[in-house]
Each structure stands twice: as structure tokens, then as C-alpha cells.
Amino acid sequence: MRGYNKQIADDLAKDYEQLTGIELNSNSRKTEIMITRTLFYKILKDLNFMTDEMISDWFSTRGVQKGRSSITHAVKKVGIYYKSFASFRNTYNVYFNDKAEEFLTIEQAQKKRLNDSKQNIYTNTLNKDKDALEVLIDTIPEERREEVREIVSLRIKSWSWKTKDECQVFLGETSMEGYCF
């Protein structure tokens, strides 16, 4: 074995199998087993400073064939698994603490969207009897209402001094003969 500590890798595997209850030598493609194995690849990479080739060699000493490209692609999906699977998240947070705050902000954003949609439903219920202009005015912040009131006031005043339909019709009873060239 070149460049990594096999004993540490074995100890990490033993502890990890105890923690998760999943055997790392399994070739199962069940989601739970697959994502657990993926996290173990990351643990070997980050905590024992192993490359994908070293991880593949370490698994082959245990009698399991894991391709280097499979390991590389699996490690690239750690972020997706972290967001998607609570069990993965819990185990990940035991070994690493770099994503806990990021996930909290994602969770907070989801809660905010949920609260906003609840607020919209509540607002729509309250605004059922209002027309579109009243609903729009309700969304204007207090500090900008005076400005909008002035604009609406000017628009209303402009209607009063615009010309009304006051046209006069002159009937022409004479011929236009003398006026044409």
C-alpha cells in the first residue's frame, strides 16, 4: 500500500460500519447502502488523505472491486446526498462540520417560502372583496404612500382639464368649386 495508512483506514471502516450498521464490502445498489458507501469514500479521502486509486486498492485488499471512476463520481455527489437524505446528513455531521450551516440556510429558505405562500393565501382571503387597485395599494410601503397619492391626485386633476367631447359640426351647403385649384 503506497501513500496512506492502512491501519487508520481499517479503523475508520470498523467504526463506520458500527455507526451505520451497513457492511462496506456489500456490492448492493440499494440507495441507503450506496449513499453510505459514498460517504465512506469521502471519509477516506479527507481524513486518511487517500486518492481514488488508493481507495480502490484498499477495497481490493478486502476482496471487493471498486472502480476509481465510480469512487470519483460518487464523491462528487456528496452535496446532493447531503441535501436529499437525512440519514446521510446525520452521519456526515458526525465526521464533518462544514455543511451544517449551509443546510440550515437552505432549510430556513424553504421555511420562508412556505411562510410566504401561507401569507399569500391569507392575504388573498382578506383581499377577496377588494378590487385590483385596492390590493395594489395595500402592497405599497408606508413611506412611499404619499408619493403614490400625489401621482394619483395629479392624474385625477388632469382628467378635469382635458378637453371634453365638444366639437362643432359645420354643415357646408355651398360648393367647394371656387376653392379648388
Protein backbone atom coordinates (compact mmCIF):
# COMPACT_ATOMS: atom_id res chain seq x y z
CA MET A 1 0.00 0.00 0.00
CA ARG A 2 1.52 3.28 -1.01
CA GLY A 3 0.97 6.70 0.48
CA TYR A 4 -1.74 6.06 3.06
CA ASN A 5 -2.05 4.44 6.44
CA LYS A 6 -3.85 1.11 6.03
CA GLN A 7 -4.37 0.72 9.79
CA ILE A 8 -6.20 4.05 10.02
CA ALA A 9 -8.34 3.08 7.00
CA ASP A 10 -9.21 -0.24 8.68
CA ASP A 11 -10.06 1.53 11.96
CA LEU A 12 -12.21 4.10 10.14
CA ALA A 13 -14.04 1.27 8.35
CA LYS A 14 -14.66 -0.63 11.60
CA ASP A 15 -16.01 2.49 13.36
CA TYR A 16 -18.07 3.48 10.33
CA GLU A 17 -19.67 0.05 10.00
CA GLN A 18 -20.54 0.14 13.70
CA LEU A 19 -22.03 3.63 13.40
CA THR A 20 -24.11 2.98 10.29
CA GLY A 21 -24.83 -0.74 10.64
CA ILE A 22 -24.01 -1.25 6.96
CA GLU A 23 -21.28 -3.54 5.68
CA LEU A 24 -18.90 -1.66 3.40
CA ASN A 25 -17.97 -4.80 1.44
CA SER A 26 -21.53 -5.05 0.13
CA ASN A 27 -21.98 -4.53 -3.62
CA SER A 28 -25.66 -3.73 -3.17
CA ARG A 29 -27.13 -0.87 -5.17
CA LYS A 30 -29.82 -0.07 -2.63
CA THR A 31 -29.91 3.67 -2.08
CA GLU A 32 -29.19 3.55 1.64
CA ILE A 33 -26.14 1.30 1.18
CA MET A 34 -24.88 3.23 -1.83
CA ILE A 35 -25.02 6.65 -0.15
CA THR A 36 -23.42 5.23 2.99
CA ARG A 37 -20.56 3.82 0.93
CA THR A 38 -20.21 7.18 -0.82
CA LEU A 39 -19.77 8.95 2.49
CA PHE A 40 -17.12 6.44 3.48
CA TYR A 41 -15.20 7.25 0.28
CA LYS A 42 -15.21 10.91 1.33
CA ILE A 43 -14.08 9.99 4.85
CA LEU A 44 -11.13 8.02 3.45
CA LYS A 45 -10.29 10.88 1.08
CA ASP A 46 -10.45 13.68 3.65
CA LEU A 47 -9.45 12.01 6.90
CA ASN A 48 -6.87 9.49 5.66
CA PHE A 49 -5.71 11.55 2.65
CA MET A 50 -6.38 8.77 0.15
CA THR A 51 -6.86 9.22 -3.59
CA ASP A 52 -9.46 7.32 -5.59
CA GLU A 53 -6.74 4.87 -6.65
CA MET A 54 -5.74 4.26 -3.03
CA ILE A 55 -9.37 3.74 -2.02
CA SER A 56 -9.80 1.25 -4.85
CA ASP A 57 -6.63 -0.60 -3.75
CA TRP A 58 -7.80 -0.62 -0.11
CA PHE A 59 -11.15 -2.15 -1.12
CA SER A 60 -9.38 -4.77 -3.24
CA THR A 61 -7.42 -5.86 -0.13
CA ARG A 62 -10.83 -6.54 1.42
CA GLY A 63 -11.84 -8.60 -1.63
CA VAL A 64 -14.16 -6.02 -3.18
CA GLN A 65 -13.67 -4.38 -6.58
CA LYS A 66 -14.45 -0.65 -6.64
CA GLY A 67 -13.50 1.27 -9.77
CA ARG A 68 -11.67 4.55 -9.50
CA SER A 69 -14.16 6.36 -11.71
CA SER A 70 -17.06 5.06 -9.59
CA ILE A 71 -15.39 6.41 -6.47
CA THR A 72 -14.70 9.79 -8.09
CA HIS A 73 -18.28 10.18 -9.35
CA ALA A 74 -19.72 9.07 -6.03
CA VAL A 75 -17.67 11.63 -4.09
CA LYS A 76 -18.90 14.38 -6.44
CA LYS A 77 -22.49 13.62 -5.36
CA VAL A 78 -21.90 14.11 -1.63
CA GLY A 79 -23.59 17.55 -1.73
CA ILE A 80 -26.69 16.15 -3.43
CA TYR A 81 -26.93 13.28 -0.96
CA TYR A 82 -26.45 15.70 1.93
CA LYS A 83 -29.43 17.76 0.83
CA SER A 84 -31.61 14.78 -0.05
CA PHE A 85 -31.14 12.19 2.70
CA ALA A 86 -31.47 12.89 6.43
CA SER A 87 -29.60 9.70 7.39
CA PHE A 88 -26.68 10.74 5.18
CA ARG A 89 -26.77 14.23 6.71
CA ASN A 90 -26.69 12.90 10.26
CA THR A 91 -23.73 10.59 9.60
CA TYR A 92 -21.91 13.28 7.61
CA ASN A 93 -22.23 15.71 10.51
CA VAL A 94 -20.56 13.18 12.82
CA TYR A 95 -17.37 13.32 10.74
CA PHE A 96 -17.51 16.81 9.21
CA ASN A 97 -19.00 20.14 10.23
CA ASP A 98 -18.63 22.17 7.04
CA LYS A 99 -22.16 21.76 5.64
CA ALA A 100 -24.30 22.15 8.76
CA GLU A 101 -24.66 25.94 8.43
CA GLU A 102 -25.22 25.73 4.66
CA PHE A 103 -28.03 23.26 5.18
CA LEU A 104 -29.59 25.42 7.87
CA THR A 105 -29.73 28.34 5.46
CA ILE A 106 -31.34 26.11 2.81
CA GLU A 107 -33.82 24.86 5.40
CA GLN A 108 -34.52 28.44 6.51
CA ALA A 109 -35.09 29.49 2.90
CA GLN A 110 -37.59 26.65 2.45
CA LYS A 111 -39.39 27.66 5.64
CA LYS A 112 -39.50 31.28 4.44
CA ARG A 113 -41.03 30.21 1.11
CA LEU A 114 -43.60 28.14 2.98
CA ASN A 115 -44.45 31.06 5.28
CA ASP A 116 -44.67 33.42 2.28
CA SER A 117 -47.08 31.09 0.50
CA LYS A 118 -49.18 30.80 3.68
CA GLN A 119 -49.16 34.61 3.92
CA ASN A 120 -50.24 34.90 0.27
CA ILE A 121 -53.16 32.53 0.89
CA TYR A 122 -54.14 34.55 3.98
CA THR A 123 -53.80 37.86 2.09
CA ASN A 124 -55.84 36.54 -0.84
CA THR A 125 -58.60 35.56 1.59
CA LEU A 126 -58.60 39.07 3.09
CA ASN A 127 -58.49 40.74 -0.31
CA LYS A 128 -61.38 38.75 -1.74
CA ASP A 129 -63.74 41.77 -1.65
CA LYS A 130 -61.19 44.32 -2.86
CA ASP A 131 -60.57 45.35 -6.45
CA ALA A 132 -57.13 45.21 -8.07
CA LEU A 133 -56.26 48.83 -7.24
CA GLU A 134 -57.02 48.40 -3.54
CA VAL A 135 -54.94 45.23 -3.37
CA LEU A 136 -52.08 47.02 -5.13
CA ILE A 137 -52.24 49.98 -2.76
CA ASP A 138 -52.07 47.61 0.22
CA THR A 139 -48.67 46.39 -1.01
CA ILE A 140 -47.14 49.88 -1.08
CA PRO A 141 -44.80 50.57 1.85
CA GLU A 142 -45.92 53.29 4.27
CA GLU A 143 -43.01 55.62 3.44
CA ARG A 144 -43.91 55.60 -0.29
CA ARG A 145 -47.67 56.11 0.02
CA GLU A 146 -47.52 59.91 -0.05
CA GLU A 147 -45.64 59.81 -3.35
CA VAL A 148 -48.25 57.50 -4.88
CA ARG A 149 -51.08 59.64 -3.51
CA GLU A 150 -49.60 62.70 -5.27
CA ILE A 151 -49.29 60.86 -8.58
CA VAL A 152 -52.87 59.60 -8.41
CA SER A 153 -54.08 63.08 -7.42
CA LEU A 154 -52.36 64.64 -10.45
CA ARG A 155 -53.88 62.01 -12.73
CA ILE A 156 -57.38 62.74 -11.40
CA LYS A 157 -56.89 66.53 -11.82
CA SER A 158 -55.68 66.03 -15.39
CA TRP A 159 -58.98 64.38 -16.28
CA SER A 160 -60.85 67.59 -15.40
CA TRP A 161 -58.93 69.88 -17.73
CA LYS A 162 -58.67 67.55 -20.66
CA THR A 163 -61.00 68.57 -23.46
CA LYS A 164 -64.40 67.05 -23.32
CA ASP A 165 -66.05 65.87 -26.47
CA GLU A 166 -67.09 69.43 -27.52
CA CYS A 167 -66.81 69.51 -31.23
CA GLN A 168 -68.96 71.63 -33.51
CA VAL A 169 -70.10 70.42 -36.85
CA PHE A 170 -70.35 72.98 -39.65
CA LEU A 171 -72.53 71.98 -42.48
CA GLY A 172 -71.26 73.08 -45.82
CA GLU A 173 -74.17 73.90 -48.04
CA THR A 174 -72.17 75.63 -50.70
CA SER A 175 -69.95 74.06 -53.27
CA MET A 176 -66.20 73.88 -52.92
CA GLU A 177 -65.79 74.69 -56.59
CA GLY A 178 -64.12 78.02 -56.23
CA TYR A 179 -61.73 76.89 -53.60
CA CYS A 180 -60.07 74.04 -55.52
CA PHE A 181 -57.16 74.54 -57.89
